[in-house]
PDB file of N, CA and C in Angstrom:
ATOM      1  N   MET A   1      19.812   3.261   0.742  1.00  0.00           N
ATOM      2  CA  MET A   1      18.827   2.264  -0.104  1.00  0.00           C
ATOM      3  C   MET A   1      17.813   2.807  -0.743  1.00  0.00           C
ATOM      4  N   ALA A   2      17.164   2.025  -2.210  1.00  0.00           N
ATOM      5  CA  ALA A   2      16.097   2.713  -2.737  1.00  0.00           C
ATOM      6  C   ALA A   2      15.215   2.200  -2.548  1.00  0.00           C
ATOM      7  N   ARG A   3      13.651   3.447  -2.574  1.00  0.00           N
ATOM      8  CA  ARG A   3      12.876   2.938  -2.367  1.00  0.00           C
ATOM      9  C   ARG A   3      11.919   3.264  -3.526  1.00  0.00           C
ATOM     10  N   ARG A   4      10.917   2.746  -3.431  1.00  0.00           N
ATOM     11  CA  ARG A   4       9.456   2.628  -4.689  1.00  0.00           C
ATOM     12  C   ARG A   4       8.343   3.105  -4.065  1.00  0.00           C
ATOM     13  N   ARG A   5       7.579   3.928  -4.311  1.00  0.00           N
ATOM     14  CA  ARG A   5       5.898   4.252  -4.294  1.00  0.00           C
ATOM     15  C   ARG A   5       5.235   3.189  -4.945  1.00  0.00           C
ATOM     16  N   TYR A   6       4.555   2.542  -4.004  1.00  0.00           N
ATOM     17  CA  TYR A   6       3.660   1.397  -4.674  1.00  0.00           C
ATOM     18  C   TYR A   6       1.806   2.090  -3.945  1.00  0.00           C
ATOM     19  N   LEU A   7       1.198   1.683  -5.409  1.00  0.00           N
ATOM     20  CA  LEU A   7      -0.374   2.588  -5.131  1.00  0.00           C
ATOM     21  C   LEU A   7      -0.979   0.975  -4.774  1.00  0.00           C
ATOM     22  N   ILE A   8      -2.023   0.501  -3.650  1.00  0.00           N
ATOM     23  CA  ILE A   8      -2.059  -0.621  -3.317  1.00  0.00           C
ATOM     24  C   ILE A   8      -3.445  -0.664  -3.174  1.00  0.00           C
ATOM     25  N   ALA A   9      -4.598  -1.206  -3.913  1.00  0.00           N
ATOM     26  CA  ALA A   9      -5.982  -1.241  -3.704  1.00  0.00           C
ATOM     27  C   ALA A   9      -6.573  -2.423  -3.171  1.00  0.00           C
ATOM     28  N   TYR A  10      -7.345  -2.797  -2.825  1.00  0.00           N
ATOM     29  CA  TYR A  10      -7.942  -4.211  -2.371  1.00  0.00           C
ATOM     30  C   TYR A  10      -9.013  -4.231  -2.209  1.00  0.00           C
ATOM     31  N   ASP A  11      -9.830  -5.868  -2.773  1.00  0.00           N
ATOM     32  CA  ASP A  11     -10.979  -6.021  -2.555  1.00  0.00           C
ATOM     33  C   ASP A  11     -11.473  -7.123  -1.651  1.00  0.00           C
ATOM     34  N   ILE A  12     -12.019  -7.592  -0.970  1.00  0.00           N
ATOM     35  CA  ILE A  12     -11.843  -8.386   0.110  1.00  0.00           C
ATOM     36  C   ILE A  12     -13.179  -8.657   0.449  1.00  0.00           C
ATOM     37  N   SER A  13     -13.622 -10.247   0.267  1.00  0.00           N
ATOM     38  CA  SER A  13     -14.855 -10.419  -0.089  1.00  0.00           C
ATOM     39  C   SER A  13     -14.938 -10.790   1.736  1.00  0.00           C
ATOM     40  N   ASP A  14     -14.299 -11.557   2.960  1.00  0.00           N
ATOM     41  CA  ASP A  14     -14.356 -11.350   3.714  1.00  0.00           C
ATOM     42  C   ASP A  14     -14.519 -10.331   4.772  1.00  0.00           C
ATOM     43  N   PRO A  15     -15.184 -10.161   6.224  1.00  0.00           N
ATOM     44  CA  PRO A  15     -14.975  -9.334   6.967  1.00  0.00           C
ATOM     45  C   PRO A  15     -13.839  -9.755   7.988  1.00  0.00           C
ATOM     46  N   VAL A  16     -14.051 -10.773   7.957  1.00  0.00           N
ATOM     47  CA  VAL A  16     -12.704 -11.098   9.351  1.00  0.00           C
ATOM     48  C   VAL A  16     -11.120 -10.856   8.570  1.00  0.00           C
ATOM     49  N   ARG A  17     -11.112 -11.627   6.811  1.00  0.00           N
ATOM     50  CA  ARG A  17     -10.024 -11.268   6.432  1.00  0.00           C
ATOM     51  C   ARG A  17      -9.774  -9.922   6.197  1.00  0.00           C
ATOM     52  N   LEU A  18     -10.725  -8.968   5.900  1.00  0.00           N
ATOM     53  CA  LEU A  18     -10.628  -7.447   5.922  1.00  0.00           C
ATOM     54  C   LEU A  18     -10.091  -6.691   6.637  1.00  0.00           C
ATOM     55  N   ARG A  19      -9.848  -7.400   8.193  1.00  0.00           N
ATOM     56  CA  ARG A  19      -9.823  -6.596   9.219  1.00  0.00           C
ATOM     57  C   ARG A  19      -8.465  -7.101   8.700  1.00  0.00           C
ATOM     58  N   ARG A  20      -7.999  -7.839   8.660  1.00  0.00           N
ATOM     59  CA  ARG A  20      -6.078  -8.689   8.402  1.00  0.00           C
ATOM     60  C   ARG A  20      -5.705  -8.216   7.361  1.00  0.00           C
ATOM     61  N   VAL A  21      -6.236  -7.912   6.401  1.00  0.00           N
ATOM     62  CA  VAL A  21      -5.327  -7.077   5.515  1.00  0.00           C
ATOM     63  C   VAL A  21      -5.335  -5.589   5.646  1.00  0.00           C
ATOM     64  N   ILE A  22      -6.389  -5.306   6.064  1.00  0.00           N
ATOM     65  CA  ILE A  22      -6.140  -3.880   6.558  1.00  0.00           C
ATOM     66  C   ILE A  22      -5.071  -3.538   7.791  1.00  0.00           C
ATOM     67  N   LYS A  23      -4.989  -4.709   8.975  1.00  0.00           N
ATOM     68  CA  LYS A  23      -3.556  -4.812   9.749  1.00  0.00           C
ATOM     69  C   LYS A  23      -2.688  -4.413   9.290  1.00  0.00           C
ATOM     70  N   VAL A  24      -2.313  -5.537   8.137  1.00  0.00           N
ATOM     71  CA  VAL A  24      -0.940  -5.890   7.333  1.00  0.00           C
ATOM     72  C   VAL A  24      -0.749  -4.915   6.754  1.00  0.00           C
ATOM     73  N   MET A  25      -1.696  -4.026   5.714  1.00  0.00           N
ATOM     74  CA  MET A  25      -1.769  -2.340   5.273  1.00  0.00           C
ATOM     75  C   MET A  25      -1.313  -1.452   6.064  1.00  0.00           C
ATOM     76  N   GLU A  26      -1.773  -1.123   6.601  1.00  0.00           N
ATOM     77  CA  GLU A  26      -1.420  -0.034   8.271  1.00  0.00           C
ATOM     78  C   GLU A  26      -0.254  -0.340   8.238  1.00  0.00           C
ATOM     79  N   SER A  27       0.445  -1.371   8.220  1.00  0.00           N
ATOM     80  CA  SER A  27       1.708  -1.738   8.877  1.00  0.00           C
ATOM     81  C   SER A  27       2.774  -1.406   8.282  1.00  0.00           C
ATOM     82  N   TYR A  28       2.132  -1.316   6.468  1.00  0.00           N
ATOM     83  CA  TYR A  28       3.527  -1.022   5.528  1.00  0.00           C
ATOM     84  C   TYR A  28       2.936   0.478   4.497  1.00  0.00           C
ATOM     85  N   GLY A  29       1.766   1.212   5.144  1.00  0.00           N
ATOM     86  CA  GLY A  29       1.868   2.346   3.798  1.00  0.00           C
ATOM     87  C   GLY A  29       0.362   3.347   5.203  1.00  0.00           C
ATOM     88  N   GLU A  30       0.209   4.439   4.435  1.00  0.00           N
ATOM     89  CA  GLU A  30      -0.514   4.923   4.679  1.00  0.00           C
ATOM     90  C   GLU A  30      -1.938   5.236   3.689  1.00  0.00           C
ATOM     91  N   ARG A  31      -3.185   5.137   4.436  1.00  0.00           N
ATOM     92  CA  ARG A  31      -4.546   4.799   3.907  1.00  0.00           C
ATOM     93  C   ARG A  31      -4.128   6.426   3.153  1.00  0.00           C
ATOM     94  N   LEU A  32      -5.375   6.740   1.959  1.00  0.00           N
ATOM     95  CA  LEU A  32      -5.046   7.869   0.672  1.00  0.00           C
ATOM     96  C   LEU A  32      -7.314   7.111   0.763  1.00  0.00           C
ATOM     97  N   GLN A  33      -8.056   6.364   0.639  1.00  0.00           N
ATOM     98  CA  GLN A  33      -9.281   5.814   0.658  1.00  0.00           C
ATOM     99  C   GLN A  33      -9.513   5.063   1.378  1.00  0.00           C
ATOM    100  N   TYR A  34     -11.065   4.270   1.477  1.00  0.00           N
ATOM    101  CA  TYR A  34     -10.690   2.960   2.244  1.00  0.00           C
ATOM    102  C   TYR A  34     -10.022   2.305   1.771  1.00  0.00           C
ATOM    103  N   SER A  35     -10.427   1.657   0.679  1.00  0.00           N
ATOM    104  CA  SER A  35      -9.206   0.468   0.111  1.00  0.00           C
ATOM    105  C   SER A  35      -8.126   0.663  -0.586  1.00  0.00           C
ATOM    106  N   VAL A  36      -7.434   1.720  -0.287  1.00  0.00           N
ATOM    107  CA  VAL A  36      -6.382   2.156  -0.807  1.00  0.00           C
ATOM    108  C   VAL A  36      -5.355   2.590   0.162  1.00  0.00           C
ATOM    109  N   PHE A  37      -4.017   2.058  -0.153  1.00  0.00           N
ATOM    110  CA  PHE A  37      -2.970   2.473   0.340  1.00  0.00           C
ATOM    111  C   PHE A  37      -1.931   3.092  -0.405  1.00  0.00           C
ATOM    112  N   LEU A  38      -0.757   3.953   0.461  1.00  0.00           N
ATOM    113  CA  LEU A  38       0.284   4.785  -0.650  1.00  0.00           C
ATOM    114  C   LEU A  38       2.042   3.977   0.419  1.00  0.00           C
ATOM    115  N   CYS A  39       2.019   3.444  -0.420  1.00  0.00           N
ATOM    116  CA  CYS A  39       3.064   2.649   0.315  1.00  0.00           C
ATOM    117  C   CYS A  39       4.741   3.144  -0.479  1.00  0.00           C
ATOM    118  N   ASP A  40       5.887   3.635   0.687  1.00  0.00           N
ATOM    119  CA  ASP A  40       7.268   3.630   0.121  1.00  0.00           C
ATOM    120  C   ASP A  40       8.114   2.705   0.718  1.00  0.00           C
ATOM    121  N   LEU A  41       8.349   1.287   0.019  1.00  0.00           N
ATOM    122  CA  LEU A  41       9.335  -0.053   0.342  1.00  0.00           C
ATOM    123  C   LEU A  41      10.584   0.025  -0.220  1.00  0.00           C
ATOM    124  N   SER A  42      11.154  -0.458   0.413  1.00  0.00           N
ATOM    125  CA  SER A  42      12.760  -1.202  -0.500  1.00  0.00           C
ATOM    126  C   SER A  42      12.307  -2.203  -0.738  1.00  0.00           C
ATOM    127  N   ASP A  43      13.323  -3.235  -1.445  1.00  0.00           N
ATOM    128  CA  ASP A  43      12.665  -3.998  -1.649  1.00  0.00           C
ATOM    129  C   ASP A  43      12.841  -5.421  -0.829  1.00  0.00           C
ATOM    130  N   ALA A  44      13.261  -5.484   0.083  1.00  0.00           N
ATOM    131  CA  ALA A  44      13.430  -6.319   1.649  1.00  0.00           C
ATOM    132  C   ALA A  44      11.715  -6.022   2.239  1.00  0.00           C
ATOM    133  N   GLU A  45      11.225  -4.659   2.259  1.00  0.00           N
ATOM    134  CA  GLU A  45       9.925  -4.385   2.706  1.00  0.00           C
ATOM    135  C   GLU A  45       9.254  -4.854   1.816  1.00  0.00           C
ATOM    136  N   LEU A  46       8.910  -4.591   0.051  1.00  0.00           N
ATOM    137  CA  LEU A  46       8.069  -5.137  -0.915  1.00  0.00           C
ATOM    138  C   LEU A  46       8.216  -6.883   0.182  1.00  0.00           C
ATOM    139  N   VAL A  47       9.069  -7.464  -0.019  1.00  0.00           N
ATOM    140  CA  VAL A  47       8.586  -9.090  -0.261  1.00  0.00           C
ATOM    141  C   VAL A  47       8.007  -9.528   1.127  1.00  0.00           C
ATOM    142  N   ASP A  48       8.815  -8.681   2.089  1.00  0.00           N
ATOM    143  CA  ASP A  48       7.833  -8.845   3.152  1.00  0.00           C
ATOM    144  C   ASP A  48       6.600  -8.643   3.157  1.00  0.00           C
ATOM    145  N   TRP A  49       5.862  -7.335   2.576  1.00  0.00           N
ATOM    146  CA  TRP A  49       4.771  -6.884   2.351  1.00  0.00           C
ATOM    147  C   TRP A  49       4.020  -8.661   1.290  1.00  0.00           C
ATOM    148  N   LEU A  50       4.653  -8.810   0.650  1.00  0.00           N
ATOM    149  CA  LEU A  50       4.090  -9.711  -0.431  1.00  0.00           C
ATOM    150  C   LEU A  50       3.780 -11.056   0.959  1.00  0.00           C
ATOM    151  N   THR A  51       4.596 -11.544   1.656  1.00  0.00           N
ATOM    152  CA  THR A  51       4.625 -12.787   2.101  1.00  0.00           C
ATOM    153  C   THR A  51       3.713 -12.445   3.012  1.00  0.00           C
ATOM    154  N   ASP A  52       3.281 -11.289   4.180  1.00  0.00           N
ATOM    155  CA  ASP A  52       2.433 -10.857   4.712  1.00  0.00           C
ATOM    156  C   ASP A  52       0.721 -10.677   4.507  1.00  0.00           C
ATOM    157  N   ILE A  53       1.293 -10.203   3.082  1.00  0.00           N
ATOM    158  CA  ILE A  53      -0.501 -10.057   2.739  1.00  0.00           C
ATOM    159  C   ILE A  53      -1.272 -11.499   1.914  1.00  0.00           C
ATOM    160  N   SER A  54      -0.015 -12.097   1.650  1.00  0.00           N
ATOM    161  CA  SER A  54      -0.323 -13.701   0.757  1.00  0.00           C
ATOM    162  C   SER A  54      -1.004 -14.694   2.015  1.00  0.00           C
ATOM    163  N   ALA A  55      -0.663 -14.551   3.307  1.00  0.00           N
ATOM    164  CA  ALA A  55      -0.656 -15.456   4.319  1.00  0.00           C
ATOM    165  C   ALA A  55      -2.130 -15.003   5.004  1.00  0.00           C
ATOM    166  N   VAL A  56      -2.755 -13.694   4.427  1.00  0.00           N
ATOM    167  CA  VAL A  56      -4.495 -13.438   4.688  1.00  0.00           C
ATOM    168  C   VAL A  56      -5.347 -13.169   3.572  1.00  0.00           C
ATOM    169  N   VAL A  57      -5.040 -13.369   2.590  1.00  0.00           N
ATOM    170  CA  VAL A  57      -5.673 -12.930   0.936  1.00  0.00           C
ATOM    171  C   VAL A  57      -6.205 -14.521   1.190  1.00  0.00           C
ATOM    172  N   LYS A  58      -7.172 -14.759   0.669  1.00  0.00           N
ATOM    173  CA  LYS A  58      -8.072 -16.062   0.115  1.00  0.00           C
ATOM    174  C   LYS A  58      -7.817 -15.762  -1.994  1.00  0.00           C
ATOM    175  N   LEU A  59      -7.129 -15.984  -2.230  1.00  0.00           N
ATOM    176  CA  LEU A  59      -7.072 -16.187  -3.479  1.00  0.00           C
ATOM    177  C   LEU A  59      -7.721 -16.616  -4.763  1.00  0.00           C
ATOM    178  N   THR A  60      -8.352 -17.435  -4.022  1.00  0.00           N
ATOM    179  CA  THR A  60      -9.894 -17.462  -4.941  1.00  0.00           C
ATOM    180  C   THR A  60     -10.907 -16.613  -4.610  1.00  0.00           C
ATOM    181  N   ALA A  61     -11.123 -15.781  -4.035  1.00  0.00           N
ATOM    182  CA  ALA A  61     -12.354 -14.666  -3.552  1.00  0.00           C
ATOM    183  C   ALA A  61     -11.805 -13.486  -3.636  1.00  0.00           C
ATOM    184  N   ASP A  62     -10.514 -13.048  -3.019  1.00  0.00           N
ATOM    185  CA  ASP A  62      -9.832 -11.604  -2.818  1.00  0.00           C
ATOM    186  C   ASP A  62      -8.942 -11.149  -3.730  1.00  0.00           C
ATOM    187  N   SER A  63      -8.921  -9.586  -3.833  1.00  0.00           N
ATOM    188  CA  SER A  63      -7.613  -9.073  -4.956  1.00  0.00           C
ATOM    189  C   SER A  63      -7.065  -8.202  -4.566  1.00  0.00           C
ATOM    190  N   VAL A  64      -5.965  -8.003  -4.824  1.00  0.00           N
ATOM    191  CA  VAL A  64      -5.218  -7.067  -4.249  1.00  0.00           C
ATOM    192  C   VAL A  64      -4.580  -6.725  -5.585  1.00  0.00           C
ATOM    193  N   VAL A  65      -4.297  -5.188  -5.463  1.00  0.00           N
ATOM    194  CA  VAL A  65      -3.866  -4.286  -6.898  1.00  0.00           C
ATOM    195  C   VAL A  65      -2.863  -3.746  -6.417  1.00  0.00           C
ATOM    196  N   ARG A  66      -1.637  -4.047  -6.779  1.00  0.00           N
ATOM    197  CA  ARG A  66      -0.188  -2.817  -6.197  1.00  0.00           C
ATOM    198  C   ARG A  66       0.430  -2.851  -7.927  1.00  0.00           C
ATOM    199  N   ILE A  67       0.122  -1.086  -7.949  1.00  0.00           N
ATOM    200  CA  ILE A  67       0.831  -0.129  -9.115  1.00  0.00           C
ATOM    201  C   ILE A  67       2.391   0.492  -8.486  1.00  0.00           C
ATOM    202  N   ASP A  68       3.095   0.391  -8.991  1.00  0.00           N
ATOM    203  CA  ASP A  68       4.450   0.716  -9.006  1.00  0.00           C
ATOM    204  C   ASP A  68       4.735   2.280  -9.831  1.00  0.00           C
ATOM    205  N   LEU A  69       4.324   3.377  -8.311  1.00  0.00           N
ATOM    206  CA  LEU A  69       4.745   4.898  -8.872  1.00  0.00           C
ATOM    207  C   LEU A  69       5.935   4.987  -9.121  1.00  0.00           C
ATOM    208  N   GLY A  70       7.014   4.444  -8.807  1.00  0.00           N
ATOM    209  CA  GLY A  70       8.686   4.246  -9.297  1.00  0.00           C
ATOM    210  C   GLY A  70       9.171   5.203  -7.986  1.00  0.00           C
ATOM    211  N   ASP A  71      10.570   5.287  -8.559  1.00  0.00           N
ATOM    212  CA  ASP A  71      11.182   5.777  -7.226  1.00  0.00           C
ATOM    213  C   ASP A  71      10.829   6.950  -6.708  1.00  0.00           C
ATOM    214  N   THR A  72      10.922   6.690  -5.203  1.00  0.00           N
ATOM    215  CA  THR A  72      10.061   7.797  -4.339  1.00  0.00           C
ATOM    216  C   THR A  72      11.441   9.143  -4.095  1.00  0.00           C
ATOM    217  N   ARG A  73      12.177   9.169  -5.000  1.00  0.00           N
ATOM    218  CA  ARG A  73      12.789  10.105  -5.472  1.00  0.00           C
ATOM    219  C   ARG A  73      12.655  11.159  -6.482  1.00  0.00           C
ATOM    220  N   SER A  74      11.959  10.063  -7.195  1.00  0.00           N
ATOM    221  CA  SER A  74      10.993  11.277  -8.402  1.00  0.00           C
ATOM    222  C   SER A  74      10.348  10.563  -8.832  1.00  0.00           C
ATOM    223  N   PRO A  75       8.830  10.143  -7.992  1.00  0.00           N
ATOM    224  CA  PRO A  75       7.778   9.265  -8.035  1.00  0.00           C
ATOM    225  C   PRO A  75       7.176  10.073  -9.307  1.00  0.00           C
ATOM    226  N   ALA A  76       5.609   9.024  -9.167  1.00  0.00           N
ATOM    227  CA  ALA A  76       4.801   9.856 -10.668  1.00  0.00           C
ATOM    228  C   ALA A  76       4.132  10.767  -9.869  1.00  0.00           C
ATOM    229  N   GLY A  77       3.748  11.589 -10.503  1.00  0.00           N
ATOM    230  CA  GLY A  77       2.660  12.665  -9.884  1.00  0.00           C
ATOM    231  C   GLY A  77       1.627  12.417  -9.206  1.00  0.00           C
ATOM    232  N   ILE A  78       0.921  12.626  -8.468  1.00  0.00           N
ATOM    233  CA  ILE A  78      -0.613  12.452  -7.647  1.00  0.00           C
ATOM    234  C   ILE A  78      -0.743  13.622  -7.558  1.00  0.00           C
ATOM    235  N   HIS A  79      -2.375  13.988  -8.323  1.00  0.00           N
ATOM    236  CA  HIS A  79      -3.243  14.897  -8.163  1.00  0.00           C
ATOM    237  C   HIS A  79      -4.555  14.297  -8.508  1.00  0.00           C
ATOM    238  N   VAL A  80      -5.198  15.265  -7.110  1.00  0.00           N
ATOM    239  CA  VAL A  80      -6.288  14.890  -6.079  1.00  0.00           C
ATOM    240  C   VAL A  80      -7.349  16.230  -7.127  1.00  0.00           C
ATOM    241  N   ILE A  81      -8.610  15.116  -7.200  1.00  0.00           N
ATOM    242  CA  ILE A  81      -9.650  16.701  -7.372  1.00  0.00           C
ATOM    243  C   ILE A  81     -11.109  16.531  -6.676  1.00  0.00           C
ATOM    244  N   GLY A  82     -11.440  17.522  -6.019  1.00  0.00           N
ATOM    245  CA  GLY A  82     -11.946  17.288  -5.278  1.00  0.00           C
ATOM    246  C   GLY A  82     -11.198  17.924  -4.230  1.00  0.00           C
ATOM    247  N   THR A  83     -11.882  17.290  -2.846  1.00  0.00           N
ATOM    248  CA  THR A  83     -11.450  17.378  -1.519  1.00  0.00           C
ATOM    249  C   THR A  83     -10.278  17.285  -1.386  1.00  0.00           C
ATOM    250  N   GLY A  84      -8.719  18.240  -1.115  1.00  0.00           N
ATOM    251  CA  GLY A  84      -7.703  17.699  -1.129  1.00  0.00           C
ATOM    252  C   GLY A  84      -7.126  16.112   0.182  1.00  0.00           C
ATOM    253  N   ARG A  85      -5.774  15.607   0.078  1.00  0.00           N
ATOM    254  CA  ARG A  85      -5.703  14.730   0.941  1.00  0.00           C
ATOM    255  C   ARG A  85      -4.136  15.086   1.312  1.00  0.00           C
ATOM    256  N   ARG A  86      -4.248  15.031   2.303  1.00  0.00           N
ATOM    257  CA  ARG A  86      -2.644  14.828   3.212  1.00  0.00           C
ATOM    258  C   ARG A  86      -1.984  13.384   2.521  1.00  0.00           C
ATOM    259  N   LEU A  87      -0.880  13.458   1.881  1.00  0.00           N
ATOM    260  CA  LEU A  87      -0.540  12.522   0.680  1.00  0.00           C
ATOM    261  C   LEU A  87       0.677  12.551   2.454  1.00  0.00           C
ATOM    262  N   PRO A  88       1.369  11.406   2.307  1.00  0.00           N
ATOM    263  CA  PRO A  88       2.695  10.668   3.051  1.00  0.00           C
ATOM    264  C   PRO A  88       3.967  11.756   2.432  1.00  0.00           C
ATOM    265  N   HIS A  89       5.327  11.997   2.375  1.00  0.00           N
ATOM    266  CA  HIS A  89       6.101  12.660   2.160  1.00  0.00           C
ATOM    267  C   HIS A  89       7.115  11.779   1.897  1.00  0.00           C
ATOM    268  N   ALA A  90       8.026  11.602   0.368  1.00  0.00           N
ATOM    269  CA  ALA A  90       8.550  10.553  -0.077  1.00  0.00           C
ATOM    270  C   ALA A  90       9.868  10.205   0.627  1.00  0.00           C
ATOM    271  N   GLY A  91      10.156   9.291   1.234  1.00  0.00           N
ATOM    272  CA  GLY A  91      11.766   9.020   1.812  1.00  0.00           C
ATOM    273  C   GLY A  91      11.394   8.364   2.916  1.00  0.00           C
ATOM    274  N   THR A  92      12.097   7.991   3.816  1.00  0.00           N
ATOM    275  CA  THR A  92      12.663   7.544   5.231  1.00  0.00           C
ATOM    276  C   THR A  92      11.453   8.642   5.691  1.00  0.00           C
ATOM    277  N   THR A  93      10.797   8.044   7.070  1.00  0.00           N
ATOM    278  CA  THR A  93      10.290   8.213   8.272  1.00  0.00           C
ATOM    279  C   THR A  93      11.275   7.652   9.073  1.00  0.00           C
ATOM    280  N   ILE A  94      11.637   8.395  10.167  1.00  0.00           N
ATOM    281  CA  ILE A  94      12.150   8.234  11.224  1.00  0.00           C
ATOM    282  C   ILE A  94      11.517   8.268  12.690  1.00  0.00           C
ATOM    283  N   VAL A  95      11.185   7.493  13.339  1.00  0.00           N
ATOM    284  CA  VAL A  95       9.704   7.145  14.700  1.00  0.00           C
ATOM    285  C   VAL A  95      10.657   7.008  15.538  1.00  0.00           C
TER     286      VAL A  95
END
């Protein structure tokens, strides 16, 4: 099953909704910065994420940006300037 890597950032105006968004994001990816997550998602997981995040955000006040970085087998390069970050490995994680 093909997976794609997404960089997802958000700006949530209400502290209660912010906590809910964080819980959704933590279930789909790994935090890179305070409001930025890296997520490797299948098509089905992307649909689930869209459903979950849409149920939490207020469309007239909040913002969520999803950037498609490409297939996890050959994703776009991610470069860090300054303090290094541990980036999640590409592909499926078996728990």
